[in-house]
Each structure stands twice: as C-alpha cells, then as structure tokens.
C-alpha cells in the first residue's frame, strides 16, 4: 500500500512513528519467531509423549482432536452475583445508577450547533436507549411507557443518537468500569486482561442495507450480525453490525483498536469465524496475543 521508493526513503521514520522499529529487520525478526515456535513445539510434543497433555489425542494415529478441559472455577461467579442476591437488576434502574456515577447522557449532544442548549429529559434518553438497545422499536416503547410521547422520542433519537455520541457515551462507561477496583477482582491474572468477541444473528423485518439472507438462522427472512466485544472486567467496549453472510474475522481488528488498555497485557479470543492468519499478524503488531478457540 506504500510506494516502494517512498518506503525505502522513509522506512525508519515510518516505523518509528508507528512504534514498530523492532520489526525493521524483518528476516531477523521472523527467524526469532520461528525459533520460539520450534521451542513451543518441543514442549507440546514432550507433554504429549509424557502423558501430561490429555487434551490432545489422535485418531488412527493421524487425525488430531483437541478437547476443551473443564474450567477450574465456577462460571456463575461473576460481578453480578456480588451486586444482587438473585442476580437480577431492573435495566432502567441500572441505567439511571450508572448515569449518576459517570453522566454518560452528557455525551448525547444535538447534531446541530445551533441547538446546543436543547436537551431532552433523562427519561426520554433512557427510553431511546432501551428501544434501540433491546430492539423494541420507538413506537412500541412509547405506547407502553407513561409520559413518553412518540414524536418526542423519534425527534430525540434522530438528533441526539449519532454514532459518535453513542461511542463517546459507551467509552465513558468503559472508563468508569476500568477505574473500579471491583472490576479487577475477577481477573484470573492481575497482569493480563482477557477479552473476547462473538456475533449474534438478529432477524430484521424492515428494509436494511446490512441485512441479508441466511437460511440457517432466518429461514426465508433476512438478518444481520451484531458483533460484540467484552473483557474480563465485564465492559462491552465495542460492537458493530454487518451482514449475516459476512465472515466475522475482518471486524476483529476494528474492535481491538477501540480498547485502549495501557497497563495490562491483552489477550483476545474469538471462535473459528473470527480467525484468519492475517488477524494473528496484525494483532501481534498491536501487542495483543490472539488466542482463538479452534477446537
């Protein structure tokens, strides 16, 4: 993507500005990676020969099978259990309490500079978040809510719910979560932050540029994939929506670039739909250990 002559003349400057100077000698760096990979193979093979690795087996001596070992912790032990005895909190109550702490609704600003003083009520913003986030629909939510006018709700969403505003509000919440000591209490390794991403197929009943057919998930209907990123601190730091027929892998790097973790080493996992060899390379340059679940 960079002209060869331009690259040769400015290679050092480009790599320095991108904080990639350690890769300036590509052949030497690849040789080091190859040596490290060889040593890992030796360890894996020794564990297999000594019977230590029971998760890797071979059928007929050739076809490998990897079984996922059972977790050594209780999967139900998460932050939600520490907040409520039954594990359930009304979502509207949750939104209001989070807003009291970090004021994320302050990021919902009017798209027009002339209307900077125009500000909808908190209840209207919450209604818009619930309608969009839970896929209820503005009209239906207004009809089942007391004191919420449908035209006011539509106007609020159209003028205040820009992608930039939503991302700013979400980043404010993520920052607040990461600054809480409680969010670090459930880290398996205090020096490592493990994150993962996965897609959820959602049926779409109206005309949508992203929607596409997928008989496996929607039959004769159309739908989209909502691709969500979450980390061990239970912060949803990024999500994107794309066609249900698209592979998830091209969207992995977009999400990883949204998570600005400066004090912890990051490890990210996906399923096989989120993995390509290129993702391994790019995540390595970003200083992120890519660990897809390939079983």
Protein backbone atom coordinates (compact mmCIF):
# COMPACT_ATOMS: atom_id res chain seq x y z
CA UNK A 1 0.00 0.00 0.00
CA UNK A 2 3.06 2.26 0.31
CA UNK A 3 5.08 3.13 -2.78
CA UNK A 4 8.35 1.16 -2.78
CA UNK A 5 10.59 4.18 -3.37
CA UNK A 6 8.76 6.18 -0.68
CA UNK A 7 9.11 3.23 1.72
CA UNK A 8 12.85 2.80 1.09
CA UNK A 9 13.48 6.53 1.60
CA UNK A 10 11.39 6.89 4.76
CA UNK A 11 11.30 3.38 6.25
CA UNK A 12 12.95 4.30 9.53
CA UNK A 13 10.74 7.36 10.05
CA UNK A 14 7.53 5.46 9.28
CA UNK A 15 8.34 2.59 11.65
CA UNK A 16 9.41 4.99 14.39
CA UNK A 17 6.17 6.96 14.16
CA UNK A 18 4.17 3.70 14.27
CA UNK A 19 6.25 2.39 17.21
CA UNK A 20 7.33 -0.60 15.08
CA UNK A 21 11.10 -0.12 14.98
CA UNK A 22 11.69 -3.59 16.44
CA UNK A 23 10.46 -5.02 13.12
CA UNK A 24 12.83 -3.05 10.90
CA UNK A 25 14.87 -6.19 10.18
CA UNK A 26 12.03 -8.44 9.03
CA UNK A 27 14.12 -11.52 8.29
CA UNK A 28 15.85 -11.46 11.67
CA UNK A 29 12.55 -10.96 13.50
CA UNK A 30 10.87 -13.84 11.65
CA UNK A 31 13.87 -16.05 12.44
CA UNK A 32 13.39 -15.28 16.14
CA UNK A 33 9.68 -16.13 15.93
CA UNK A 34 10.50 -19.36 14.13
CA UNK A 35 12.94 -20.34 16.87
CA UNK A 36 10.39 -19.55 19.57
CA UNK A 37 7.72 -21.57 17.77
CA UNK A 38 10.12 -24.50 17.44
CA UNK A 39 10.73 -24.46 21.20
CA UNK A 40 6.98 -24.42 21.87
CA UNK A 41 6.54 -27.45 19.60
CA UNK A 42 9.20 -29.27 21.58
CA UNK A 43 7.36 -28.55 24.85
CA UNK A 44 3.99 -29.65 23.41
CA UNK A 45 5.44 -32.85 21.97
CA UNK A 46 7.20 -33.67 25.27
CA UNK A 47 4.00 -33.14 27.25
CA UNK A 48 2.17 -35.37 24.77
CA UNK A 49 4.81 -38.11 24.97
CA UNK A 50 4.87 -37.97 28.79
CA UNK A 51 1.09 -38.16 29.04
CA UNK A 52 0.80 -34.70 30.64
CA UNK A 53 -1.32 -33.25 27.82
CA UNK A 54 -4.56 -35.24 27.90
CA UNK A 55 -6.50 -32.70 25.83
CA UNK A 56 -4.74 -33.62 22.56
CA UNK A 57 -5.47 -37.06 21.10
CA UNK A 58 -5.03 -38.68 17.69
CA UNK A 59 -7.49 -40.88 15.83
CA UNK A 60 -5.82 -43.71 13.92
CA UNK A 61 -2.51 -42.09 14.80
CA UNK A 62 -3.03 -39.26 12.29
CA UNK A 63 -6.17 -37.17 12.82
CA UNK A 64 -5.73 -34.82 15.78
CA UNK A 65 -8.52 -33.98 18.19
CA UNK A 66 -8.46 -31.25 20.82
CA UNK A 67 -10.90 -31.46 23.72
CA UNK A 68 -11.65 -28.40 25.85
CA UNK A 69 -10.79 -29.09 29.50
CA UNK A 70 -13.28 -28.23 32.22
CA UNK A 71 -12.87 -24.85 33.85
CA UNK A 72 -11.20 -24.76 37.24
CA UNK A 73 -13.59 -22.09 38.53
CA UNK A 74 -17.33 -21.61 38.93
CA UNK A 75 -18.72 -19.96 35.82
CA UNK A 76 -21.56 -18.37 37.78
CA UNK A 77 -19.12 -16.42 39.98
CA UNK A 78 -19.27 -13.02 38.34
CA UNK A 79 -19.68 -9.42 39.41
CA UNK A 80 -23.48 -9.55 39.10
CA UNK A 81 -23.64 -12.05 41.97
CA UNK A 82 -21.93 -9.56 44.26
CA UNK A 83 -24.46 -6.85 43.42
CA UNK A 84 -27.71 -8.72 43.90
CA UNK A 85 -28.75 -11.88 45.71
CA UNK A 86 -30.87 -13.18 42.85
CA UNK A 87 -28.57 -11.78 40.13
CA UNK A 88 -31.29 -9.62 38.52
CA UNK A 89 -31.43 -5.83 38.46
CA UNK A 90 -34.05 -3.81 36.51
CA UNK A 91 -32.30 -2.42 33.45
CA UNK A 92 -33.83 1.06 33.86
CA UNK A 93 -32.59 1.20 37.45
CA UNK A 94 -29.16 0.08 36.26
CA UNK A 95 -29.01 2.78 33.56
CA UNK A 96 -30.00 5.51 36.00
CA UNK A 97 -27.47 4.47 38.63
CA UNK A 98 -24.67 4.23 36.05
CA UNK A 99 -25.61 7.69 34.78
CA UNK A 100 -25.41 9.07 38.32
CA UNK A 101 -21.82 7.82 38.54
CA UNK A 102 -20.40 8.80 35.14
CA UNK A 103 -23.06 11.05 33.49
CA UNK A 104 -22.88 9.26 30.15
CA UNK A 105 -26.05 11.04 28.95
CA UNK A 106 -23.97 14.24 28.77
CA UNK A 107 -22.40 12.85 25.58
CA UNK A 108 -25.76 12.85 23.75
CA UNK A 109 -25.49 16.27 22.14
CA UNK A 110 -27.65 17.75 19.39
CA UNK A 111 -26.27 17.29 15.88
CA UNK A 112 -26.90 20.95 15.03
CA UNK A 113 -24.56 23.55 16.62
CA UNK A 114 -27.50 25.98 16.72
CA UNK A 115 -29.35 23.75 19.17
CA UNK A 116 -26.62 23.14 21.74
CA UNK A 117 -28.93 24.31 24.53
CA UNK A 118 -31.71 21.91 23.52
CA UNK A 119 -31.58 18.93 25.86
CA UNK A 120 -34.16 16.14 26.19
CA UNK A 121 -35.20 14.78 29.55
CA UNK A 122 -33.21 11.90 31.02
CA UNK A 123 -36.31 9.67 30.80
CA UNK A 124 -36.54 10.27 27.05
CA UNK A 125 -32.86 9.42 26.52
CA UNK A 126 -33.28 6.24 28.58
CA UNK A 127 -36.35 5.31 26.54
CA UNK A 128 -34.37 5.75 23.32
CA UNK A 129 -31.53 3.60 24.65
CA UNK A 130 -33.94 0.83 25.68
CA UNK A 131 -35.87 0.98 22.41
CA UNK A 132 -32.73 0.72 20.27
CA UNK A 133 -30.64 -1.47 22.54
CA UNK A 134 -33.36 -4.04 23.16
CA UNK A 135 -34.71 -3.87 19.57
CA UNK A 136 -38.16 -2.96 20.84
CA UNK A 137 -38.88 -0.11 18.46
CA UNK A 138 -39.62 3.53 19.23
CA UNK A 139 -43.34 3.37 18.56
CA UNK A 140 -43.93 0.28 20.67
CA UNK A 141 -41.86 1.55 23.59
CA UNK A 142 -43.68 4.91 23.56
CA UNK A 143 -47.05 3.14 23.58
CA UNK A 144 -46.18 1.06 26.66
CA UNK A 145 -44.47 3.88 28.59
CA UNK A 146 -46.14 6.54 30.70
CA UNK A 147 -45.17 10.14 29.92
CA UNK A 148 -43.18 9.34 26.74
CA UNK A 149 -44.52 10.95 23.57
CA UNK A 150 -43.72 9.06 20.36
CA UNK A 151 -42.90 12.18 18.31
CA UNK A 152 -40.58 13.45 21.08
CA UNK A 153 -38.84 10.07 21.26
CA UNK A 154 -38.36 9.95 17.48
CA UNK A 155 -37.00 13.52 17.46
CA UNK A 156 -34.57 12.73 20.30
CA UNK A 157 -33.20 9.61 18.61
CA UNK A 158 -32.88 11.31 15.21
CA UNK A 159 -30.98 14.34 16.54
CA UNK A 160 -29.05 13.03 19.55
CA UNK A 161 -28.25 9.36 18.83
CA UNK A 162 -25.38 9.77 16.39
CA UNK A 163 -22.74 7.04 16.15
CA UNK A 164 -20.13 9.44 17.56
CA UNK A 165 -22.32 10.31 20.55
CA UNK A 166 -23.09 6.66 21.29
CA UNK A 167 -19.41 5.71 21.16
CA UNK A 168 -18.43 8.59 23.44
CA UNK A 169 -21.08 7.57 25.97
CA UNK A 170 -20.00 3.93 25.82
CA UNK A 171 -16.32 4.84 26.22
CA UNK A 172 -17.20 6.92 29.28
CA UNK A 173 -18.90 3.90 30.86
CA UNK A 174 -15.99 1.59 29.95
CA UNK A 175 -13.51 4.02 31.52
CA UNK A 176 -15.61 4.14 34.69
CA UNK A 177 -15.69 0.33 34.87
CA UNK A 178 -11.93 0.03 34.39
CA UNK A 179 -11.32 2.52 37.19
CA UNK A 180 -13.33 0.47 39.69
CA UNK A 181 -11.33 -1.83 41.95
CA UNK A 182 -14.21 -4.32 41.94
CA UNK A 183 -13.85 -4.86 38.18
CA UNK A 184 -10.30 -6.19 38.71
CA UNK A 185 -11.31 -8.62 41.47
CA UNK A 186 -12.32 -11.31 38.97
CA UNK A 187 -9.25 -11.18 36.73
CA UNK A 188 -7.65 -14.59 36.52
CA UNK A 189 -4.24 -12.92 36.11
CA UNK A 190 -3.91 -9.36 37.50
CA UNK A 191 -1.34 -8.54 34.80
CA UNK A 192 -3.45 -9.78 31.88
CA UNK A 193 -6.81 -8.61 30.53
CA UNK A 194 -8.57 -11.29 28.52
CA UNK A 195 -11.21 -10.16 26.05
CA UNK A 196 -13.36 -11.97 23.52
CA UNK A 197 -15.74 -11.22 20.67
CA UNK A 198 -18.62 -13.11 19.14
CA UNK A 199 -21.53 -12.49 16.80
CA UNK A 200 -25.26 -12.81 17.40
CA UNK A 201 -27.69 -13.24 14.50
CA UNK A 202 -30.72 -10.94 14.66
CA UNK A 203 -33.76 -11.07 12.41
CA UNK A 204 -34.57 -7.82 10.55
CA UNK A 205 -38.17 -7.23 9.47
CA UNK A 206 -37.67 -3.86 7.71
CA UNK A 207 -35.56 -2.73 4.77
CA UNK A 208 -31.89 -2.59 5.80
CA UNK A 209 -28.71 -2.22 3.73
CA UNK A 210 -26.81 -4.64 6.02
CA UNK A 211 -29.48 -7.36 6.14
CA UNK A 212 -29.00 -10.47 4.06
CA UNK A 213 -30.45 -13.95 3.71
CA UNK A 214 -29.16 -16.79 5.86
CA UNK A 215 -31.36 -19.88 5.73
CA UNK A 216 -29.53 -21.46 8.67
CA UNK A 217 -30.52 -18.63 11.04
CA UNK A 218 -33.52 -16.87 9.47
CA UNK A 219 -35.12 -19.33 7.08
CA UNK A 220 -36.54 -17.27 4.23
CA UNK A 221 -36.10 -13.98 6.10
CA UNK A 222 -33.16 -11.59 6.32
CA UNK A 223 -30.97 -10.62 9.25
CA UNK A 224 -27.74 -9.07 10.46
CA UNK A 225 -24.86 -9.98 12.76
CA UNK A 226 -24.33 -7.93 15.91
CA UNK A 227 -20.66 -8.41 16.75
CA UNK A 228 -19.85 -7.61 20.39
CA UNK A 229 -16.56 -7.28 22.31
CA UNK A 230 -16.35 -7.85 26.07
CA UNK A 231 -13.46 -8.20 28.51
CA UNK A 232 -12.95 -9.82 31.91
CA UNK A 233 -13.92 -6.61 33.64
CA UNK A 234 -17.38 -7.07 32.11
CA UNK A 235 -17.08 -3.96 29.95
CA UNK A 236 -18.62 -4.04 26.47
CA UNK A 237 -16.04 -1.87 24.75
CA UNK A 238 -17.16 -2.17 21.12
CA UNK A 239 -19.81 -3.60 18.83
CA UNK A 240 -20.60 -3.44 15.15
CA UNK A 241 -23.44 -4.52 12.86
CA UNK A 242 -22.88 -6.12 9.47
CA UNK A 243 -24.40 -8.57 7.02
CA UNK A 244 -25.21 -12.02 8.39
CA UNK A 245 -23.41 -13.52 5.37
CA UNK A 246 -20.10 -11.75 6.15
CA UNK A 247 -17.27 -13.54 7.93
CA UNK A 248 -16.62 -12.05 11.37
CA UNK A 249 -12.81 -12.00 11.11
CA UNK A 250 -12.46 -8.69 9.17
CA UNK A 251 -14.19 -6.86 12.04
CA UNK A 252 -11.98 -8.19 14.86
CA UNK A 253 -9.20 -5.61 14.48
CA UNK A 254 -11.73 -2.74 14.41
CA UNK A 255 -12.90 -3.73 17.89
CA UNK A 256 -9.40 -4.29 19.29
CA UNK A 257 -8.38 -0.78 18.25
CA UNK A 258 -11.26 0.60 20.34
CA UNK A 259 -9.96 -0.92 23.59
CA UNK A 260 -7.20 1.34 24.92
CA UNK A 261 -5.55 -0.85 27.57
CA UNK A 262 -2.23 0.68 28.58
CA UNK A 263 -1.36 -1.02 31.87
CA UNK A 264 -2.32 -4.65 31.20
CA UNK A 265 -1.22 -7.20 28.62
CA UNK A 266 -4.20 -8.05 26.44
CA UNK A 267 -5.24 -11.48 25.18
CA UNK A 268 -8.17 -11.75 22.77
CA UNK A 269 -10.21 -14.79 21.76
CA UNK A 270 -12.75 -15.49 19.03
CA UNK A 271 -14.33 -18.62 17.60
CA UNK A 272 -13.26 -20.02 14.22
CA UNK A 273 -15.45 -17.48 12.40
CA UNK A 274 -13.29 -14.67 13.77
CA UNK A 275 -9.91 -16.15 12.86
CA UNK A 276 -7.62 -15.75 9.86
CA UNK A 277 -3.83 -15.86 9.62
CA UNK A 278 -3.86 -12.12 8.91
CA UNK A 279 -5.54 -11.48 12.29
CA UNK A 280 -2.63 -13.25 14.00
CA UNK A 281 -0.17 -10.93 12.24
CA UNK A 282 -1.98 -7.63 12.82
CA UNK A 283 -2.79 -8.38 16.47
CA UNK A 284 0.89 -9.24 17.01
CA UNK A 285 1.91 -5.82 15.69
CA UNK A 286 -0.64 -4.25 18.06
CA UNK A 287 0.93 -6.07 21.01
CA UNK A 288 -2.15 -8.25 21.54
CA UNK A 289 -1.95 -12.01 21.98
CA UNK A 290 -4.56 -13.55 19.67
CA UNK A 291 -5.85 -16.83 21.09
CA UNK A 292 -8.82 -18.08 19.04
CA UNK A 293 -10.79 -21.13 20.13
CA UNK A 294 -10.10 -23.52 17.25
CA UNK A 295 -11.40 -26.74 18.78
